[in-house]
Amino acid sequence: MSQKLVRDHGGANGRAERLPSEADDADPRAESPGAAEAEPAVAAEAAEPVVAPVGAEEAEEPAAPEPDTGEEPAGAERDPAGTPPAWLVQVPYFLVLATLGAGTVVVAAAYFKRGPALIAIALLLAAGFRLFLPPERVGLLAVRERWTDVATLVTLAVLLIVLAWVAPQL
């Protein structure tokens, strides 16, 4: 049995109304006495059917992703410049951290002139990487805008070099 539903825009309750169709004439439940009076009450108490807005189309389900076989599909071209692997982008950052760590170890060994100088070299190395590497290859060294990062790193390096120079030899 097919029913056509139309949204009642003029009513206060906004319920969907049932329009008569050809199937009403052939409804077997309408032949039994008392069924005609009970059916409208049951239909009104049943859950309200969901009516799609006018002009809405059914959304298609997205296709399942194809499994990755590790091979490139036929006809696919690689980027001529080549994108580096994610770990390779972080190499400048790890070089700066290694130099910074070495400077910290030297300071801990009570070399208060050489340690800060090594830390200043690490900061200058970071400034050089940030200045000359493109943004997609600088990794975690990019914090703010390029000029802000370079100015901050160079200023800190110069201050550490001055500190190492004026520090008394112990």
C-alpha atoms as a PDB file:
ATOM      1  CA  MET A   1       0.000   0.000   0.000  1.00  0.00           C
ATOM      2  CA  SER A   2       1.572   3.272  -1.071  1.00  0.00           C
ATOM      3  CA  GLN A   3       0.840   6.569   0.592  1.00  0.00           C
ATOM      4  CA  LYS A   4       1.781  10.059  -0.441  1.00  0.00           C
ATOM      5  CA  LEU A   5       2.810  12.379   2.376  1.00  0.00           C
ATOM      6  CA  VAL A   6       2.618  16.143   2.191  1.00  0.00           C
ATOM      7  CA  ARG A   7       3.815  18.567   4.863  1.00  0.00           C
ATOM      8  CA  ASP A   8       0.956  20.655   6.237  1.00  0.00           C
ATOM      9  CA  HIS A   9       2.517  24.120   6.295  1.00  0.00           C
ATOM     10  CA  GLY A  10      -0.651  25.868   7.373  1.00  0.00           C
ATOM     11  CA  GLY A  11      -1.359  23.778  10.459  1.00  0.00           C
ATOM     12  CA  ALA A  12      -0.135  24.545  13.931  1.00  0.00           C
ATOM     13  CA  ASN A  13       1.274  21.085  14.578  1.00  0.00           C
ATOM     14  CA  GLY A  14       3.149  20.625  11.264  1.00  0.00           C
ATOM     15  CA  ARG A  15       2.096  16.957  10.950  1.00  0.00           C
ATOM     16  CA  ALA A  16       2.175  15.123   7.649  1.00  0.00           C
ATOM     17  CA  GLU A  17      -1.215  14.395   6.129  1.00  0.00           C
ATOM     18  CA  ARG A  18      -2.133  11.273   4.203  1.00  0.00           C
ATOM     19  CA  LEU A  19      -3.430  11.891   0.712  1.00  0.00           C
ATOM     20  CA  PRO A  20      -5.904   9.456  -0.807  1.00  0.00           C
ATOM     21  CA  SER A  21      -4.464   7.076  -3.376  1.00  0.00           C
ATOM     22  CA  GLU A  22      -5.664   4.261  -5.572  1.00  0.00           C
ATOM     23  CA  ALA A  23      -4.581   1.719  -2.977  1.00  0.00           C
ATOM     24  CA  ASP A  24      -7.370   2.960  -0.646  1.00  0.00           C
ATOM     25  CA  ASP A  25      -9.989   1.306  -2.833  1.00  0.00           C
ATOM     26  CA  ALA A  26      -8.273  -2.088  -2.616  1.00  0.00           C
ATOM     27  CA  ASP A  27      -7.455  -1.944   1.110  1.00  0.00           C
ATOM     28  CA  PRO A  28      -8.439  -5.326   2.629  1.00  0.00           C
ATOM     29  CA  ARG A  29      -8.679  -3.858   6.143  1.00  0.00           C
ATOM     30  CA  ALA A  30     -11.435  -1.477   5.050  1.00  0.00           C
ATOM     31  CA  GLU A  31     -13.791  -4.452   4.400  1.00  0.00           C
ATOM     32  CA  SER A  32     -14.086  -5.485   8.046  1.00  0.00           C
ATOM     33  CA  PRO A  33     -16.563  -3.488  10.120  1.00  0.00           C
ATOM     34  CA  GLY A  34     -14.985  -1.278  12.765  1.00  0.00           C
ATOM     35  CA  ALA A  35     -11.558  -1.335  11.079  1.00  0.00           C
ATOM     36  CA  ALA A  36     -12.264   1.920   9.261  1.00  0.00           C
ATOM     37  CA  GLU A  37     -12.937   3.739  12.526  1.00  0.00           C
ATOM     38  CA  ALA A  38      -9.920   2.241  14.389  1.00  0.00           C
ATOM     39  CA  GLU A  39      -7.332   2.814  11.666  1.00  0.00           C
ATOM     40  CA  PRO A  40      -7.250   6.643  11.689  1.00  0.00           C
ATOM     41  CA  ALA A  41      -6.775   6.711  15.472  1.00  0.00           C
ATOM     42  CA  VAL A  42      -3.909   4.200  15.281  1.00  0.00           C
ATOM     43  CA  ALA A  43      -2.297   6.064  12.387  1.00  0.00           C
ATOM     44  CA  ALA A  44      -2.486   9.371  14.260  1.00  0.00           C
ATOM     45  CA  GLU A  45      -0.859   7.878  17.354  1.00  0.00           C
ATOM     46  CA  ALA A  46       1.909   6.142  15.369  1.00  0.00           C
ATOM     47  CA  ALA A  47       5.308   7.750  15.072  1.00  0.00           C
ATOM     48  CA  GLU A  48       5.345  10.740  12.772  1.00  0.00           C
ATOM     49  CA  PRO A  49       6.933   9.823   9.422  1.00  0.00           C
ATOM     50  CA  VAL A  50      10.040  11.699   8.366  1.00  0.00           C
ATOM     51  CA  VAL A  51       9.324  13.962   5.434  1.00  0.00           C
ATOM     52  CA  ALA A  52      12.266  15.256   3.421  1.00  0.00           C
ATOM     53  CA  PRO A  53      12.221  18.960   2.551  1.00  0.00           C
ATOM     54  CA  VAL A  54      11.102  19.869  -0.936  1.00  0.00           C
ATOM     55  CA  GLY A  55      14.012  19.627  -3.378  1.00  0.00           C
ATOM     56  CA  ALA A  56      16.197  17.563  -1.063  1.00  0.00           C
ATOM     57  CA  GLU A  57      17.898  14.623  -2.687  1.00  0.00           C
ATOM     58  CA  GLU A  58      19.087  11.499  -0.973  1.00  0.00           C
ATOM     59  CA  ALA A  59      22.734  11.712  -0.065  1.00  0.00           C
ATOM     60  CA  GLU A  60      24.887   9.044  -1.577  1.00  0.00           C
ATOM     61  CA  GLU A  61      27.066   7.051   0.763  1.00  0.00           C
ATOM     62  CA  PRO A  62      30.769   7.691   0.222  1.00  0.00           C
ATOM     63  CA  ALA A  63      32.608   4.918  -1.534  1.00  0.00           C
ATOM     64  CA  ALA A  64      34.853   2.763   0.611  1.00  0.00           C
ATOM     65  CA  PRO A  65      38.534   3.702   0.230  1.00  0.00           C
ATOM     66  CA  GLU A  66      40.599   1.401  -1.884  1.00  0.00           C
ATOM     67  CA  PRO A  67      43.201  -0.631   0.008  1.00  0.00           C
ATOM     68  CA  ASP A  68      46.732   0.711  -0.216  1.00  0.00           C
ATOM     69  CA  THR A  69      48.918  -1.806  -1.993  1.00  0.00           C
ATOM     70  CA  GLY A  70      52.039   0.342  -1.841  1.00  0.00           C
ATOM     71  CA  GLU A  71      52.159   0.615  -5.624  1.00  0.00           C
ATOM     72  CA  GLU A  72      51.294   3.703  -7.591  1.00  0.00           C
ATOM     73  CA  PRO A  73      48.255   3.403  -9.826  1.00  0.00           C
ATOM     74  CA  ALA A  74      48.856   3.206 -13.556  1.00  0.00           C
ATOM     75  CA  GLY A  75      49.227   6.660 -15.074  1.00  0.00           C
ATOM     76  CA  ALA A  76      50.053   8.368 -11.765  1.00  0.00           C
ATOM     77  CA  GLU A  77      52.982  10.747 -11.930  1.00  0.00           C
ATOM     78  CA  ARG A  78      55.299  11.574  -9.065  1.00  0.00           C
ATOM     79  CA  ASP A  79      56.007  15.125  -8.068  1.00  0.00           C
ATOM     80  CA  PRO A  80      59.149  16.125 -10.003  1.00  0.00           C
ATOM     81  CA  ALA A  81      60.510  18.129  -7.070  1.00  0.00           C
ATOM     82  CA  GLY A  82      59.793  15.196  -4.769  1.00  0.00           C
ATOM     83  CA  THR A  83      58.420  15.618  -1.313  1.00  0.00           C
ATOM     84  CA  PRO A  84      60.775  14.509   1.422  1.00  0.00           C
ATOM     85  CA  PRO A  85      59.675  11.948   3.992  1.00  0.00           C
ATOM     86  CA  ALA A  86      58.270  13.401   7.207  1.00  0.00           C
ATOM     87  CA  TRP A  87      61.269  12.358   9.296  1.00  0.00           C
ATOM     88  CA  LEU A  88      63.683  14.079   6.917  1.00  0.00           C
ATOM     89  CA  VAL A  89      61.931  17.420   7.424  1.00  0.00           C
ATOM     90  CA  GLN A  90      62.817  17.259  11.132  1.00  0.00           C
ATOM     91  CA  VAL A  91      66.567  16.704  10.605  1.00  0.00           C
ATOM     92  CA  PRO A  92      67.457  20.438  10.962  1.00  0.00           C
ATOM     93  CA  TYR A  93      65.516  20.545  14.219  1.00  0.00           C
ATOM     94  CA  PHE A  94      67.338  17.484  15.580  1.00  0.00           C
ATOM     95  CA  LEU A  95      70.734  18.932  14.565  1.00  0.00           C
ATOM     96  CA  VAL A  96      69.938  22.100  16.523  1.00  0.00           C
ATOM     97  CA  LEU A  97      68.774  20.015  19.509  1.00  0.00           C
ATOM     98  CA  ALA A  98      71.952  17.903  19.407  1.00  0.00           C
ATOM     99  CA  THR A  99      74.145  21.012  19.379  1.00  0.00           C
ATOM    100  CA  LEU A 100      72.078  22.568  22.172  1.00  0.00           C
ATOM    101  CA  GLY A 101      72.389  19.373  24.201  1.00  0.00           C
ATOM    102  CA  ALA A 102      76.162  19.309  23.682  1.00  0.00           C
ATOM    103  CA  GLY A 103      76.378  22.914  24.889  1.00  0.00           C
ATOM    104  CA  THR A 104      74.335  22.055  27.974  1.00  0.00           C
ATOM    105  CA  VAL A 105      76.647  19.127  28.781  1.00  0.00           C
ATOM    106  CA  VAL A 106      79.686  21.396  28.423  1.00  0.00           C
ATOM    107  CA  VAL A 107      78.122  23.949  30.810  1.00  0.00           C
ATOM    108  CA  ALA A 108      77.353  21.127  33.269  1.00  0.00           C
ATOM    109  CA  ALA A 109      81.024  20.145  33.113  1.00  0.00           C
ATOM    110  CA  ALA A 110      81.864  23.626  34.506  1.00  0.00           C
ATOM    111  CA  TYR A 111      83.075  25.199  31.267  1.00  0.00           C
ATOM    112  CA  PHE A 112      81.118  28.432  31.533  1.00  0.00           C
ATOM    113  CA  LYS A 113      82.685  30.106  28.501  1.00  0.00           C
ATOM    114  CA  ARG A 114      82.637  27.241  26.011  1.00  0.00           C
ATOM    115  CA  GLY A 115      79.145  25.975  26.901  1.00  0.00           C
ATOM    116  CA  PRO A 116      77.229  29.174  26.203  1.00  0.00           C
ATOM    117  CA  ALA A 117      79.291  29.644  23.044  1.00  0.00           C
ATOM    118  CA  LEU A 118      78.176  26.204  21.855  1.00  0.00           C
ATOM    119  CA  ILE A 119      74.557  27.017  22.728  1.00  0.00           C
ATOM    120  CA  ALA A 120      74.908  30.300  20.796  1.00  0.00           C
ATOM    121  CA  ILE A 121      76.202  28.301  17.818  1.00  0.00           C
ATOM    122  CA  ALA A 122      73.094  26.082  18.077  1.00  0.00           C
ATOM    123  CA  LEU A 123      70.874  29.185  18.026  1.00  0.00           C
ATOM    124  CA  LEU A 124      72.727  30.602  15.007  1.00  0.00           C
ATOM    125  CA  LEU A 125      72.377  27.231  13.278  1.00  0.00           C
ATOM    126  CA  ALA A 126      68.637  27.339  13.933  1.00  0.00           C
ATOM    127  CA  ALA A 127      68.472  30.903  12.579  1.00  0.00           C
ATOM    128  CA  GLY A 128      70.357  29.826   9.437  1.00  0.00           C
ATOM    129  CA  PHE A 129      68.031  26.862   8.858  1.00  0.00           C
ATOM    130  CA  ARG A 130      64.984  29.059   9.418  1.00  0.00           C
ATOM    131  CA  LEU A 131      66.311  31.746   7.068  1.00  0.00           C
ATOM    132  CA  PHE A 132      67.430  29.579   4.146  1.00  0.00           C
ATOM    133  CA  LEU A 133      65.184  26.497   4.161  1.00  0.00           C
ATOM    134  CA  PRO A 134      61.788  26.670   2.459  1.00  0.00           C
ATOM    135  CA  PRO A 135      58.768  26.593   4.817  1.00  0.00           C
ATOM    136  CA  GLU A 136      57.819  23.000   3.931  1.00  0.00           C
ATOM    137  CA  ARG A 137      61.293  21.728   4.899  1.00  0.00           C
ATOM    138  CA  VAL A 138      61.976  23.677   8.075  1.00  0.00           C
ATOM    139  CA  GLY A 139      59.921  21.401  10.339  1.00  0.00           C
ATOM    140  CA  LEU A 140      59.519  22.325  14.002  1.00  0.00           C
ATOM    141  CA  LEU A 141      61.890  25.290  13.726  1.00  0.00           C
ATOM    142  CA  ALA A 142      59.038  27.335  12.258  1.00  0.00           C
ATOM    143  CA  VAL A 143      57.224  28.891  15.197  1.00  0.00           C
ATOM    144  CA  ARG A 144      56.138  32.306  13.965  1.00  0.00           C
ATOM    145  CA  GLU A 145      56.840  34.301  10.857  1.00  0.00           C
ATOM    146  CA  ARG A 146      60.268  33.771   9.339  1.00  0.00           C
ATOM    147  CA  TRP A 147      61.644  37.217  10.210  1.00  0.00           C
ATOM    148  CA  THR A 148      60.390  36.932  13.816  1.00  0.00           C
ATOM    149  CA  ASP A 149      62.056  33.541  14.303  1.00  0.00           C
ATOM    150  CA  VAL A 150      65.355  34.664  12.755  1.00  0.00           C
ATOM    151  CA  ALA A 151      65.468  37.942  14.721  1.00  0.00           C
ATOM    152  CA  THR A 152      64.711  36.157  18.001  1.00  0.00           C
ATOM    153  CA  LEU A 153      67.293  33.414  17.458  1.00  0.00           C
ATOM    154  CA  VAL A 154      70.049  35.817  16.377  1.00  0.00           C
ATOM    155  CA  THR A 155      69.343  38.145  19.332  1.00  0.00           C
ATOM    156  CA  LEU A 156      69.544  35.263  21.807  1.00  0.00           C
ATOM    157  CA  ALA A 157      72.746  33.983  20.183  1.00  0.00           C
ATOM    158  CA  VAL A 158      74.412  37.405  20.366  1.00  0.00           C
ATOM    159  CA  LEU A 159      73.385  37.799  24.015  1.00  0.00           C
ATOM    160  CA  LEU A 160      74.860  34.383  24.865  1.00  0.00           C
ATOM    161  CA  ILE A 161      78.113  35.190  23.071  1.00  0.00           C
ATOM    162  CA  VAL A 162      78.388  38.461  25.035  1.00  0.00           C
ATOM    163  CA  LEU A 163      77.588  36.586  28.244  1.00  0.00           C
ATOM    164  CA  ALA A 164      80.258  33.980  27.496  1.00  0.00           C
ATOM    165  CA  TRP A 165      82.786  36.710  26.713  1.00  0.00           C
ATOM    166  CA  VAL A 166      82.235  38.736  29.888  1.00  0.00           C
ATOM    167  CA  ALA A 167      81.840  35.738  32.240  1.00  0.00           C
ATOM    168  CA  PRO A 168      84.828  35.303  34.517  1.00  0.00           C
ATOM    169  CA  GLN A 169      86.933  32.218  34.081  1.00  0.00           C
ATOM    170  CA  LEU A 170      86.299  29.900  37.032  1.00  0.00           C
END
